[in-house]
Every structure is written in C-alpha cells, then in structure tokens.
Amino acid sequence: MSDLVRQLLDYRLTTAEIVYRLPDHPRFLQSYIWQDLDLQPDFPVLRRFLNFWERSLEGKLHSVRVTSCQVISPGELRHVGSEFRVN
C-alpha cells in the first residue's frame, strides 16, 4: 500500500526514540530514532519492529518514547475580517 493511501486511512507519521543497552557494555545506553507511518494508539508497525528487535538484536531495550502527528489534515477554514480590492 502506498504512503498516500496509508495517510488517507488515518496513518500518522510516528517517531520513536528507542533507548537500548550496548551488548558489550550493558551499563551504557544508546539511542536509536525510528520513523514510519503507523496507526495510533496501538502502533502495530512499531510493535512489529520492537518484536523484531527483541528476537534478532542483542541490545536489550531500556525505554521507548513515541510521538505521532497527522501528515494530511483537512484544510482550515477561517473567516477574514476585512477585504481590500486593488484596481
């Protein structure tokens, strides 16, 4: 499915900061930024990625911070208080 179709189906641009422990030095934390179109509030695409991370990568997850915003939104309609015409 194309990105435009997903946006029209209410997918939102989702950004996650994934903080994980370094495999060789577990006391140190590192940050990874992940971004994709996803559905709020369940975030199935992000959950699939995090499941892949836990199964396949050695760095243990410490925390995940998520934010999302709508990319395509309805147009705004505002009342104009005055109008000036120039000939």
N, C-alpha and C. Protein backbone atom coordinates (compact mmCIF):
# COMPACT_ATOMS: atom_id res chain seq x y z
N MET A 1 0.85 -1.17 0.00
CA MET A 1 0.00 0.00 0.00
C MET A 1 0.90 1.24 0.00
N SER A 2 0.54 2.22 -0.80
CA SER A 2 1.39 3.42 -0.90
C SER A 2 1.25 4.29 0.35
N ASP A 3 2.22 5.17 0.55
CA ASP A 3 2.20 6.05 1.71
C ASP A 3 0.99 6.97 1.68
N LEU A 4 0.62 7.46 0.49
CA LEU A 4 -0.53 8.35 0.39
C LEU A 4 -1.81 7.63 0.81
N VAL A 5 -2.00 6.41 0.36
CA VAL A 5 -3.18 5.63 0.74
C VAL A 5 -3.19 5.40 2.25
N ARG A 6 -2.06 5.08 2.82
CA ARG A 6 -2.00 4.86 4.27
C ARG A 6 -2.34 6.13 5.03
N GLN A 7 -1.87 7.29 4.55
CA GLN A 7 -2.18 8.56 5.21
C GLN A 7 -3.67 8.86 5.13
N LEU A 8 -4.29 8.53 4.01
CA LEU A 8 -5.72 8.74 3.88
C LEU A 8 -6.52 7.79 4.77
N LEU A 9 -5.92 6.66 5.15
CA LEU A 9 -6.54 5.70 6.07
C LEU A 9 -6.20 6.00 7.52
N ASP A 10 -5.78 7.25 7.79
CA ASP A 10 -5.50 7.76 9.14
C ASP A 10 -4.21 7.24 9.75
N TYR A 11 -3.27 6.80 8.92
CA TYR A 11 -1.93 6.51 9.44
C TYR A 11 -1.26 7.84 9.74
N ARG A 12 -0.47 7.88 10.78
CA ARG A 12 0.22 9.11 11.18
C ARG A 12 1.72 8.90 11.14
N LEU A 13 2.44 9.99 10.93
CA LEU A 13 3.89 9.92 10.98
C LEU A 13 4.28 9.70 12.44
N THR A 14 4.90 8.58 12.71
CA THR A 14 5.25 8.18 14.07
C THR A 14 6.75 8.14 14.22
N THR A 15 7.24 8.78 15.26
CA THR A 15 8.66 8.79 15.57
C THR A 15 8.85 8.18 16.95
N ALA A 16 9.79 7.26 17.05
CA ALA A 16 10.08 6.62 18.34
C ALA A 16 11.56 6.75 18.64
N GLU A 17 11.86 7.18 19.85
CA GLU A 17 13.24 7.17 20.33
C GLU A 17 13.39 5.89 21.15
N ILE A 18 14.21 4.99 20.65
CA ILE A 18 14.43 3.70 21.29
C ILE A 18 15.77 3.77 22.02
N VAL A 19 15.73 3.63 23.32
CA VAL A 19 16.95 3.64 24.12
C VAL A 19 17.24 2.19 24.51
N TYR A 20 18.46 1.75 24.23
CA TYR A 20 18.83 0.36 24.47
C TYR A 20 20.21 0.27 25.10
N ARG A 21 20.49 -0.87 25.69
CA ARG A 21 21.79 -1.11 26.33
C ARG A 21 22.76 -1.68 25.30
N LEU A 22 23.99 -1.22 25.34
CA LEU A 22 25.01 -1.76 24.44
C LEU A 22 25.31 -3.21 24.84
N PRO A 23 25.37 -4.12 23.87
CA PRO A 23 25.59 -5.54 24.20
C PRO A 23 26.91 -5.79 24.94
N ASP A 24 27.99 -5.14 24.53
CA ASP A 24 29.29 -5.36 25.16
C ASP A 24 29.46 -4.61 26.47
N HIS A 25 28.72 -3.52 26.63
CA HIS A 25 28.82 -2.67 27.83
C HIS A 25 27.41 -2.34 28.31
N PRO A 26 26.74 -3.23 29.03
CA PRO A 26 25.34 -3.03 29.39
C PRO A 26 25.06 -1.83 30.29
N ARG A 27 26.08 -1.25 30.88
CA ARG A 27 25.86 -0.06 31.69
C ARG A 27 25.66 1.19 30.85
N PHE A 28 26.05 1.12 29.58
CA PHE A 28 25.92 2.27 28.68
C PHE A 28 24.65 2.16 27.86
N LEU A 29 24.00 3.31 27.67
CA LEU A 29 22.78 3.37 26.87
C LEU A 29 23.06 4.07 25.55
N GLN A 30 22.35 3.66 24.53
CA GLN A 30 22.46 4.29 23.21
C GLN A 30 21.05 4.56 22.71
N SER A 31 20.92 5.57 21.87
CA SER A 31 19.61 5.96 21.36
C SER A 31 19.52 5.67 19.87
N TYR A 32 18.35 5.21 19.43
CA TYR A 32 18.08 4.93 18.03
C TYR A 32 16.74 5.60 17.69
N ILE A 33 16.69 6.34 16.58
CA ILE A 33 15.45 7.00 16.16
C ILE A 33 14.82 6.19 15.04
N TRP A 34 13.56 5.82 15.23
CA TRP A 34 12.79 5.05 14.25
C TRP A 34 11.63 5.93 13.79
N GLN A 35 11.33 5.92 12.47
CA GLN A 35 10.23 6.73 11.97
C GLN A 35 9.53 6.01 10.83
N ASP A 36 8.20 5.98 10.88
CA ASP A 36 7.39 5.34 9.84
C ASP A 36 5.95 5.80 10.01
N LEU A 37 5.11 5.45 9.05
CA LEU A 37 3.67 5.71 9.18
C LEU A 37 3.05 4.58 10.00
N ASP A 38 2.21 4.95 10.98
CA ASP A 38 1.65 3.94 11.87
C ASP A 38 0.28 4.41 12.36
N LEU A 39 -0.50 3.48 12.88
CA LEU A 39 -1.83 3.78 13.41
C LEU A 39 -1.76 4.01 14.90
N GLN A 40 -2.40 5.09 15.33
CA GLN A 40 -2.45 5.41 16.74
C GLN A 40 -3.74 4.85 17.31
N PRO A 41 -3.90 4.35 18.47
CA PRO A 41 -2.98 4.31 19.61
C PRO A 41 -2.25 2.97 19.76
N ASP A 42 -2.55 1.98 18.90
CA ASP A 42 -1.94 0.65 19.08
C ASP A 42 -0.55 0.52 18.47
N PHE A 43 -0.22 1.31 17.47
CA PHE A 43 1.09 1.32 16.81
C PHE A 43 1.53 -0.08 16.37
N PRO A 44 0.77 -0.74 15.47
CA PRO A 44 1.14 -2.10 15.06
C PRO A 44 2.47 -2.20 14.32
N VAL A 45 2.82 -1.19 13.52
CA VAL A 45 4.09 -1.23 12.78
C VAL A 45 5.26 -1.11 13.75
N LEU A 46 5.17 -0.21 14.70
CA LEU A 46 6.22 -0.05 15.72
C LEU A 46 6.33 -1.31 16.57
N ARG A 47 5.21 -1.90 16.96
CA ARG A 47 5.24 -3.13 17.76
C ARG A 47 5.93 -4.27 17.01
N ARG A 48 5.65 -4.37 15.69
CA ARG A 48 6.32 -5.40 14.88
C ARG A 48 7.83 -5.17 14.87
N PHE A 49 8.24 -3.90 14.74
CA PHE A 49 9.67 -3.58 14.74
C PHE A 49 10.30 -3.92 16.09
N LEU A 50 9.62 -3.57 17.18
CA LEU A 50 10.17 -3.86 18.51
C LEU A 50 10.24 -5.36 18.77
N ASN A 51 9.26 -6.12 18.28
CA ASN A 51 9.32 -7.58 18.40
C ASN A 51 10.51 -8.14 17.63
N PHE A 52 10.74 -7.60 16.42
CA PHE A 52 11.92 -8.00 15.64
C PHE A 52 13.19 -7.68 16.42
N TRP A 53 13.25 -6.48 17.01
CA TRP A 53 14.42 -6.06 17.78
C TRP A 53 14.71 -7.06 18.90
N GLU A 54 13.69 -7.39 19.67
CA GLU A 54 13.89 -8.28 20.81
C GLU A 54 14.29 -9.69 20.38
N ARG A 55 13.78 -10.16 19.23
CA ARG A 55 14.12 -11.50 18.73
C ARG A 55 15.50 -11.56 18.10
N SER A 56 15.88 -10.51 17.36
CA SER A 56 17.05 -10.60 16.48
C SER A 56 18.28 -9.81 16.92
N LEU A 57 18.12 -8.78 17.70
CA LEU A 57 19.26 -7.93 18.06
C LEU A 57 19.67 -8.17 19.50
N GLU A 58 20.93 -7.93 19.77
CA GLU A 58 21.48 -8.22 21.10
C GLU A 58 21.24 -7.13 22.12
N GLY A 59 21.09 -5.89 21.69
CA GLY A 59 20.91 -4.78 22.64
C GLY A 59 19.55 -4.84 23.31
N LYS A 60 19.53 -4.98 24.65
CA LYS A 60 18.28 -5.04 25.40
C LYS A 60 17.62 -3.66 25.42
N LEU A 61 16.31 -3.64 25.20
CA LEU A 61 15.58 -2.37 25.22
C LEU A 61 15.52 -1.81 26.63
N HIS A 62 15.75 -0.51 26.73
CA HIS A 62 15.65 0.17 28.02
C HIS A 62 14.33 0.95 28.08
N SER A 63 14.05 1.75 27.05
CA SER A 63 12.82 2.53 27.02
C SER A 63 12.50 2.92 25.58
N VAL A 64 11.23 3.24 25.35
CA VAL A 64 10.77 3.70 24.05
C VAL A 64 9.86 4.89 24.28
N ARG A 65 10.17 6.00 23.61
CA ARG A 65 9.34 7.20 23.70
C ARG A 65 8.75 7.46 22.32
N VAL A 66 7.43 7.61 22.24
CA VAL A 66 6.73 7.68 20.96
C VAL A 66 5.97 8.99 20.83
N THR A 67 6.00 9.54 19.63
CA THR A 67 5.18 10.69 19.29
C THR A 67 4.65 10.49 17.87
N SER A 68 3.50 11.07 17.57
CA SER A 68 2.96 10.94 16.22
C SER A 68 2.17 12.19 15.87
N CYS A 69 2.10 12.47 14.58
CA CYS A 69 1.32 13.60 14.12
C CYS A 69 0.70 13.26 12.77
N GLN A 70 -0.42 13.89 12.50
CA GLN A 70 -1.13 13.66 11.26
C GLN A 70 -0.44 14.44 10.15
N VAL A 71 -0.11 13.77 9.05
CA VAL A 71 0.59 14.43 7.95
C VAL A 71 -0.41 15.12 7.03
N ILE A 72 -1.46 14.43 6.66
CA ILE A 72 -2.51 15.02 5.83
C ILE A 72 -3.66 15.37 6.75
N SER A 73 -4.07 16.63 6.72
CA SER A 73 -5.17 17.06 7.58
C SER A 73 -6.17 17.85 6.75
N PRO A 74 -7.38 17.98 7.22
CA PRO A 74 -8.36 18.76 6.48
C PRO A 74 -7.93 20.21 6.39
N GLY A 75 -8.31 20.86 5.33
CA GLY A 75 -7.97 22.27 5.17
C GLY A 75 -8.63 23.13 6.23
N GLU A 76 -8.01 24.23 6.54
CA GLU A 76 -8.56 25.12 7.54
C GLU A 76 -9.45 26.15 6.87
N LEU A 77 -10.56 26.48 7.49
CA LEU A 77 -11.47 27.50 7.01
C LEU A 77 -11.49 28.60 8.06
N ARG A 78 -11.07 29.79 7.65
CA ARG A 78 -11.04 30.90 8.59
C ARG A 78 -11.82 32.07 8.02
N HIS A 79 -12.48 32.79 8.88
CA HIS A 79 -13.22 33.99 8.48
C HIS A 79 -12.24 35.15 8.35
N VAL A 80 -12.32 35.83 7.24
CA VAL A 80 -11.47 37.01 7.02
C VAL A 80 -12.23 38.23 7.49
N GLY A 81 -11.62 39.00 8.35
CA GLY A 81 -12.29 40.16 8.93
C GLY A 81 -12.51 41.31 7.94
N SER A 82 -11.65 41.47 6.98
CA SER A 82 -11.79 42.57 6.03
C SER A 82 -11.21 42.17 4.68
N GLU A 83 -11.59 42.94 3.67
CA GLU A 83 -11.12 42.65 2.32
C GLU A 83 -10.75 43.95 1.65
N PHE A 84 -9.61 43.98 0.97
CA PHE A 84 -9.16 45.17 0.26
C PHE A 84 -9.06 44.84 -1.22
N ARG A 85 -9.62 45.70 -2.05
CA ARG A 85 -9.53 45.49 -3.50
C ARG A 85 -8.63 46.54 -4.11
N VAL A 86 -7.77 46.08 -5.01
CA VAL A 86 -6.85 46.99 -5.71
C VAL A 86 -7.19 46.91 -7.18
N ASN A 87 -7.39 48.07 -7.82
CA ASN A 87 -7.74 48.09 -9.25
C ASN A 87 -6.53 47.89 -10.11
